[in-house]
Amino acid sequence: MTDRQEPFDPWLRAHQRVGGRRLHPCRESMVVDAPIADWTAWTGLDLPSPGRYVIPGGHVPLIVSAEGRGHYREPGVWVLHALA
């Protein structure tokens, strides 16, 4: 990483401490699209209508579509490590 000031995020701090170098942000590092029945089973939440829902352990809201699907798109950061 270009400066030695530690980032706020604990995972980025861990990467920096072992020599990782931030490359760039990734808008969709984890994508999960599934039917509402699956999201209800996974989260235990009632998702009665289209909209945005805060899910346990989520970093971004779950977006429920009018078609009855949940769309979760979590951003991330690409980090480069040298192979020893």
N, C-alpha and C. Protein backbone atom coordinates (compact mmCIF):
# COMPACT_ATOMS: atom_id res chain seq x y z
N MET A 1 0.84 -1.15 0.00
CA MET A 1 0.00 0.00 0.00
C MET A 1 0.90 1.22 0.00
N THR A 2 0.44 2.25 -0.65
CA THR A 2 1.34 3.37 -0.90
C THR A 2 1.80 4.08 0.36
N ASP A 3 0.90 4.36 1.29
CA ASP A 3 1.36 4.99 2.53
C ASP A 3 1.27 3.96 3.64
N ARG A 4 1.94 4.20 4.74
CA ARG A 4 1.97 3.22 5.83
C ARG A 4 0.88 3.48 6.85
N GLN A 5 0.03 4.48 6.63
CA GLN A 5 -1.09 4.68 7.52
C GLN A 5 -2.02 3.48 7.37
N GLU A 6 -2.42 2.91 8.48
CA GLU A 6 -3.25 1.71 8.42
C GLU A 6 -4.69 2.05 8.08
N PRO A 7 -5.30 1.24 7.22
CA PRO A 7 -6.70 1.47 6.87
C PRO A 7 -7.62 1.14 8.04
N PHE A 8 -8.82 1.68 8.01
CA PHE A 8 -9.83 1.44 9.04
C PHE A 8 -10.29 -0.02 9.04
N ASP A 9 -10.48 -0.59 7.87
CA ASP A 9 -11.00 -1.95 7.73
C ASP A 9 -10.01 -2.98 8.26
N PRO A 10 -10.45 -3.89 9.16
CA PRO A 10 -9.52 -4.85 9.75
C PRO A 10 -8.91 -5.82 8.74
N TRP A 11 -9.68 -6.22 7.71
CA TRP A 11 -9.13 -7.13 6.70
C TRP A 11 -8.08 -6.43 5.85
N LEU A 12 -8.32 -5.18 5.50
CA LEU A 12 -7.31 -4.45 4.73
C LEU A 12 -6.06 -4.21 5.58
N ARG A 13 -6.24 -3.96 6.88
CA ARG A 13 -5.07 -3.82 7.76
C ARG A 13 -4.26 -5.11 7.78
N ALA A 14 -4.95 -6.24 7.88
CA ALA A 14 -4.25 -7.53 7.90
C ALA A 14 -3.47 -7.75 6.60
N HIS A 15 -4.08 -7.44 5.48
CA HIS A 15 -3.37 -7.58 4.20
C HIS A 15 -2.15 -6.66 4.14
N GLN A 16 -2.32 -5.42 4.60
CA GLN A 16 -1.20 -4.46 4.56
C GLN A 16 -0.05 -4.94 5.43
N ARG A 17 -0.38 -5.46 6.59
CA ARG A 17 0.67 -5.89 7.53
C ARG A 17 1.51 -7.03 7.01
N VAL A 18 0.98 -7.81 6.07
CA VAL A 18 1.77 -8.91 5.49
C VAL A 18 2.26 -8.56 4.09
N GLY A 19 2.23 -7.27 3.75
CA GLY A 19 2.84 -6.81 2.50
C GLY A 19 1.91 -6.64 1.33
N GLY A 20 0.62 -6.76 1.53
CA GLY A 20 -0.33 -6.58 0.43
C GLY A 20 -0.38 -5.14 -0.04
N ARG A 21 -0.70 -4.98 -1.31
CA ARG A 21 -0.81 -3.64 -1.90
C ARG A 21 -2.18 -3.51 -2.55
N ARG A 22 -2.94 -2.50 -2.11
CA ARG A 22 -4.27 -2.26 -2.67
C ARG A 22 -4.15 -1.91 -4.15
N LEU A 23 -4.97 -2.57 -4.97
CA LEU A 23 -4.98 -2.27 -6.40
C LEU A 23 -6.13 -1.33 -6.75
N HIS A 24 -7.36 -1.78 -6.53
CA HIS A 24 -8.52 -0.94 -6.83
C HIS A 24 -9.78 -1.55 -6.22
N PRO A 25 -10.82 -0.74 -6.09
CA PRO A 25 -12.07 -1.27 -5.57
C PRO A 25 -12.76 -2.17 -6.59
N CYS A 26 -13.56 -3.07 -6.08
CA CYS A 26 -14.35 -3.97 -6.92
C CYS A 26 -15.81 -3.75 -6.52
N ARG A 27 -16.62 -3.29 -7.42
CA ARG A 27 -18.02 -2.96 -7.09
C ARG A 27 -18.83 -4.18 -6.70
N GLU A 28 -18.52 -5.34 -7.26
CA GLU A 28 -19.29 -6.55 -6.97
C GLU A 28 -18.34 -7.73 -6.73
N SER A 29 -17.75 -7.76 -5.55
CA SER A 29 -16.82 -8.85 -5.25
C SER A 29 -17.54 -10.12 -4.83
N MET A 30 -18.74 -9.97 -4.26
CA MET A 30 -19.57 -11.14 -3.94
C MET A 30 -20.99 -10.85 -4.40
N VAL A 31 -21.51 -11.74 -5.25
CA VAL A 31 -22.86 -11.58 -5.80
C VAL A 31 -23.65 -12.83 -5.50
N VAL A 32 -24.84 -12.64 -4.90
CA VAL A 32 -25.75 -13.75 -4.64
C VAL A 32 -27.13 -13.32 -5.11
N ASP A 33 -27.66 -14.03 -6.10
CA ASP A 33 -29.01 -13.82 -6.58
C ASP A 33 -29.78 -15.11 -6.35
N ALA A 34 -30.87 -15.03 -5.61
CA ALA A 34 -31.62 -16.25 -5.28
C ALA A 34 -33.08 -15.91 -5.02
N PRO A 35 -33.94 -16.92 -5.11
CA PRO A 35 -35.36 -16.70 -4.81
C PRO A 35 -35.56 -16.25 -3.35
N ILE A 36 -36.64 -15.53 -3.12
CA ILE A 36 -36.94 -15.02 -1.78
C ILE A 36 -37.04 -16.16 -0.77
N ALA A 37 -37.57 -17.32 -1.17
CA ALA A 37 -37.67 -18.45 -0.25
C ALA A 37 -36.29 -18.83 0.30
N ASP A 38 -35.28 -18.81 -0.54
CA ASP A 38 -33.92 -19.11 -0.08
C ASP A 38 -33.43 -18.05 0.90
N TRP A 39 -33.63 -16.77 0.57
CA TRP A 39 -33.19 -15.69 1.45
C TRP A 39 -33.90 -15.76 2.80
N THR A 40 -35.18 -16.11 2.79
CA THR A 40 -35.93 -16.25 4.04
C THR A 40 -35.33 -17.37 4.89
N ALA A 41 -35.01 -18.50 4.25
CA ALA A 41 -34.41 -19.63 4.98
C ALA A 41 -33.03 -19.27 5.52
N TRP A 42 -32.23 -18.56 4.74
CA TRP A 42 -30.87 -18.22 5.15
C TRP A 42 -30.84 -17.18 6.26
N THR A 43 -31.75 -16.19 6.19
CA THR A 43 -31.69 -15.06 7.12
C THR A 43 -32.71 -15.13 8.25
N GLY A 44 -33.77 -15.90 8.07
CA GLY A 44 -34.85 -15.94 9.05
C GLY A 44 -35.74 -14.70 9.01
N LEU A 45 -35.58 -13.87 7.98
CA LEU A 45 -36.35 -12.64 7.87
C LEU A 45 -37.59 -12.84 7.00
N ASP A 46 -38.63 -12.09 7.31
CA ASP A 46 -39.80 -12.02 6.45
C ASP A 46 -39.52 -10.94 5.41
N LEU A 47 -39.60 -11.28 4.14
CA LEU A 47 -39.32 -10.34 3.06
C LEU A 47 -40.58 -10.22 2.21
N PRO A 48 -41.59 -9.47 2.72
CA PRO A 48 -42.93 -9.50 2.15
C PRO A 48 -43.13 -8.75 0.84
N SER A 49 -42.26 -7.80 0.53
CA SER A 49 -42.49 -6.99 -0.66
C SER A 49 -41.17 -6.50 -1.23
N PRO A 50 -41.21 -6.01 -2.48
CA PRO A 50 -39.98 -5.46 -3.07
C PRO A 50 -39.43 -4.31 -2.22
N GLY A 51 -38.12 -4.21 -2.20
CA GLY A 51 -37.49 -3.13 -1.44
C GLY A 51 -36.09 -3.52 -1.00
N ARG A 52 -35.56 -2.73 -0.09
CA ARG A 52 -34.21 -2.94 0.44
C ARG A 52 -34.33 -3.40 1.88
N TYR A 53 -33.56 -4.44 2.23
CA TYR A 53 -33.62 -5.01 3.57
C TYR A 53 -32.21 -5.15 4.14
N VAL A 54 -32.06 -4.83 5.42
CA VAL A 54 -30.81 -5.06 6.13
C VAL A 54 -30.82 -6.51 6.57
N ILE A 55 -29.77 -7.27 6.21
CA ILE A 55 -29.72 -8.69 6.56
C ILE A 55 -28.61 -8.93 7.59
N PRO A 56 -28.80 -9.91 8.46
CA PRO A 56 -27.78 -10.20 9.48
C PRO A 56 -26.43 -10.52 8.83
N GLY A 57 -25.39 -9.85 9.27
CA GLY A 57 -24.05 -10.08 8.77
C GLY A 57 -23.76 -9.48 7.41
N GLY A 58 -24.75 -8.80 6.82
CA GLY A 58 -24.55 -8.21 5.49
C GLY A 58 -23.80 -6.90 5.57
N HIS A 59 -23.08 -6.61 4.51
CA HIS A 59 -22.35 -5.33 4.42
C HIS A 59 -23.13 -4.30 3.64
N VAL A 60 -24.09 -4.76 2.84
CA VAL A 60 -24.94 -3.89 2.05
C VAL A 60 -26.37 -4.44 2.13
N PRO A 61 -27.36 -3.63 1.80
CA PRO A 61 -28.74 -4.13 1.85
C PRO A 61 -29.00 -5.19 0.78
N LEU A 62 -29.92 -6.09 1.10
CA LEU A 62 -30.46 -7.04 0.14
C LEU A 62 -31.55 -6.31 -0.63
N ILE A 63 -31.52 -6.41 -1.95
CA ILE A 63 -32.55 -5.78 -2.77
C ILE A 63 -33.50 -6.87 -3.25
N VAL A 64 -34.77 -6.75 -2.86
CA VAL A 64 -35.80 -7.70 -3.27
C VAL A 64 -36.55 -7.11 -4.45
N SER A 65 -36.59 -7.87 -5.54
CA SER A 65 -37.24 -7.41 -6.76
C SER A 65 -38.72 -7.79 -6.77
N ALA A 66 -39.47 -7.15 -7.66
CA ALA A 66 -40.89 -7.45 -7.83
C ALA A 66 -41.09 -8.86 -8.38
N GLU A 67 -40.05 -9.44 -8.96
CA GLU A 67 -40.12 -10.79 -9.52
C GLU A 67 -39.90 -11.87 -8.46
N GLY A 68 -39.70 -11.47 -7.20
CA GLY A 68 -39.55 -12.43 -6.12
C GLY A 68 -38.16 -12.99 -5.95
N ARG A 69 -37.15 -12.19 -6.27
CA ARG A 69 -35.77 -12.62 -6.11
C ARG A 69 -35.03 -11.61 -5.24
N GLY A 70 -34.03 -12.11 -4.51
CA GLY A 70 -33.17 -11.25 -3.71
C GLY A 70 -31.84 -11.11 -4.40
N HIS A 71 -31.36 -9.88 -4.46
CA HIS A 71 -30.09 -9.58 -5.13
C HIS A 71 -29.15 -8.92 -4.12
N TYR A 72 -28.02 -9.59 -3.86
CA TYR A 72 -27.03 -9.08 -2.92
C TYR A 72 -25.72 -8.88 -3.68
N ARG A 73 -25.22 -7.65 -3.67
CA ARG A 73 -23.99 -7.32 -4.36
C ARG A 73 -23.08 -6.57 -3.41
N GLU A 74 -22.05 -7.27 -2.92
CA GLU A 74 -21.17 -6.71 -1.91
C GLU A 74 -19.88 -6.22 -2.56
N PRO A 75 -19.49 -4.97 -2.31
CA PRO A 75 -18.24 -4.47 -2.86
C PRO A 75 -17.04 -5.00 -2.10
N GLY A 76 -15.87 -4.82 -2.68
CA GLY A 76 -14.64 -5.24 -2.03
C GLY A 76 -13.46 -4.46 -2.59
N VAL A 77 -12.28 -4.90 -2.24
CA VAL A 77 -11.04 -4.25 -2.70
C VAL A 77 -10.08 -5.34 -3.15
N TRP A 78 -9.53 -5.21 -4.35
CA TRP A 78 -8.51 -6.12 -4.82
C TRP A 78 -7.19 -5.77 -4.15
N VAL A 79 -6.51 -6.80 -3.63
CA VAL A 79 -5.21 -6.61 -2.97
C VAL A 79 -4.21 -7.57 -3.62
N LEU A 80 -3.03 -7.05 -3.95
CA LEU A 80 -1.99 -7.84 -4.60
C LEU A 80 -0.94 -8.25 -3.57
N HIS A 81 -0.60 -9.54 -3.58
CA HIS A 81 0.47 -10.06 -2.73
C HIS A 81 1.55 -10.67 -3.62
N ALA A 82 2.79 -10.40 -3.30
CA ALA A 82 3.90 -11.00 -4.03
C ALA A 82 4.05 -12.45 -3.60
N LEU A 83 4.32 -13.34 -4.55
CA LEU A 83 4.57 -14.75 -4.21
C LEU A 83 6.03 -14.89 -3.83
N ALA A 84 6.26 -15.55 -2.71
CA ALA A 84 7.64 -15.69 -2.24
C ALA A 84 8.27 -16.96 -2.77
